C-alpha cells in the first residue's frame, strides 16, 4: 500500500495539492485531524488541476494500486 500512497503524495503538480494529500493521510494516524476539512481541501486542489493533470494522476494511482495488490475498497476502509 505504500506504493499507492507514495504515488499520491509524491506528485509534481502543486505544493498545495501535496499539502492537501498530506492532510488526508494524517487522518490515518492523527486522531485530532479533521477528515472533513482534509477531504474538502483535497477536492478543491484536485479541481485546480488541468484535465490532463487529473488524467495523469489517475493513471499513476491506478497503476500503483494494481501493482500493490490492494483493492480500492481496502485502502478506503482505512479512513475513519
Protein backbone atom coordinates (compact mmCIF):
# COMPACT_ATOMS: atom_id res chain seq x y z
CA UNK A 1 0.00 0.00 0.00
CA UNK A 2 2.94 2.33 0.49
CA UNK A 3 3.43 2.36 -3.28
CA UNK A 4 -0.06 3.77 -3.74
CA UNK A 5 0.43 6.36 -1.02
CA UNK A 6 3.81 7.33 -2.48
CA UNK A 7 2.26 7.98 -5.89
CA UNK A 8 -0.46 10.07 -4.32
CA UNK A 9 1.90 12.00 -2.06
CA UNK A 10 4.80 12.42 -4.50
CA UNK A 11 3.26 14.27 -7.38
CA UNK A 12 4.73 17.22 -9.23
CA UNK A 13 1.51 19.14 -9.78
CA UNK A 14 1.46 21.69 -6.96
CA UNK A 15 2.68 22.24 -3.41
CA UNK A 16 -0.92 22.96 -2.39
CA UNK A 17 -2.04 19.56 -3.67
CA UNK A 18 0.82 17.87 -1.83
CA UNK A 19 -0.19 19.64 1.39
CA UNK A 20 -3.83 18.61 0.94
CA UNK A 21 -2.76 15.00 0.36
CA UNK A 22 -0.58 15.09 3.47
CA UNK A 23 -3.56 16.35 5.47
CA UNK A 24 -5.73 13.48 4.23
CA UNK A 25 -3.02 10.94 5.03
CA UNK A 26 -2.67 12.46 8.51
CA UNK A 27 -6.26 11.41 9.19
CA UNK A 28 -5.00 7.82 9.22
CA UNK A 29 -2.68 8.43 12.18
CA UNK A 30 -3.79 11.62 13.95
CA UNK A 31 -6.98 11.28 15.99
CA UNK A 32 -7.30 15.08 16.14
CA UNK A 33 -7.12 15.55 12.37
CA UNK A 34 -10.27 16.88 10.74
CA UNK A 35 -11.18 14.39 7.99
CA UNK A 36 -13.94 16.56 6.54
CA UNK A 37 -11.69 19.61 6.15
CA UNK A 38 -8.86 17.47 4.77
CA UNK A 39 -11.05 15.88 2.11
CA UNK A 40 -12.63 19.23 1.22
CA UNK A 41 -9.17 20.76 0.68
CA UNK A 42 -8.10 17.77 -1.41
CA UNK A 43 -11.17 18.02 -3.62
CA UNK A 44 -10.52 21.74 -4.10
CA UNK A 45 -6.89 21.18 -5.09
CA UNK A 46 -7.76 18.30 -7.42
CA UNK A 47 -10.26 20.63 -9.06
CA UNK A 48 -7.46 23.12 -9.70
CA UNK A 49 -5.57 20.59 -11.84
CA UNK A 50 -5.98 20.66 -15.59
CA UNK A 51 -7.85 17.79 -17.21
CA UNK A 52 -4.54 16.40 -18.45
CA UNK A 53 -3.00 16.56 -14.95
CA UNK A 54 -6.05 14.86 -13.43
CA UNK A 55 -5.88 12.09 -16.02
CA UNK A 56 -2.13 11.59 -15.46
CA UNK A 57 -2.55 11.42 -11.69
CA UNK A 58 -5.44 8.96 -12.01
CA UNK A 59 -3.40 6.79 -14.38
CA UNK A 60 -0.43 6.77 -11.99
CA UNK A 61 -2.65 5.99 -8.99
CA UNK A 62 -4.44 3.19 -10.84
CA UNK A 63 -1.15 1.57 -11.88
CA UNK A 64 0.24 1.80 -8.34
CA UNK A 65 -2.97 0.35 -6.91
CA UNK A 66 -2.88 -2.58 -9.34
CA UNK A 67 0.80 -3.21 -8.53
CA UNK A 68 0.16 -3.07 -4.77
CA UNK A 69 -2.27 -5.97 -4.68
CA UNK A 70 -4.71 -3.93 -2.58
CA UNK A 71 -8.20 -3.06 -3.68
CA UNK A 72 -9.51 0.48 -3.57
CA UNK A 73 -12.08 -0.69 -1.03
CA UNK A 74 -9.31 -1.94 1.28
CA UNK A 75 -7.48 1.37 1.11
CA UNK A 76 -10.63 3.43 1.62
CA UNK A 77 -11.51 1.17 4.55
CA UNK A 78 -8.51 2.58 6.40
CA UNK A 79 -10.10 6.01 6.56
CA UNK A 80 -12.21 6.72 9.64
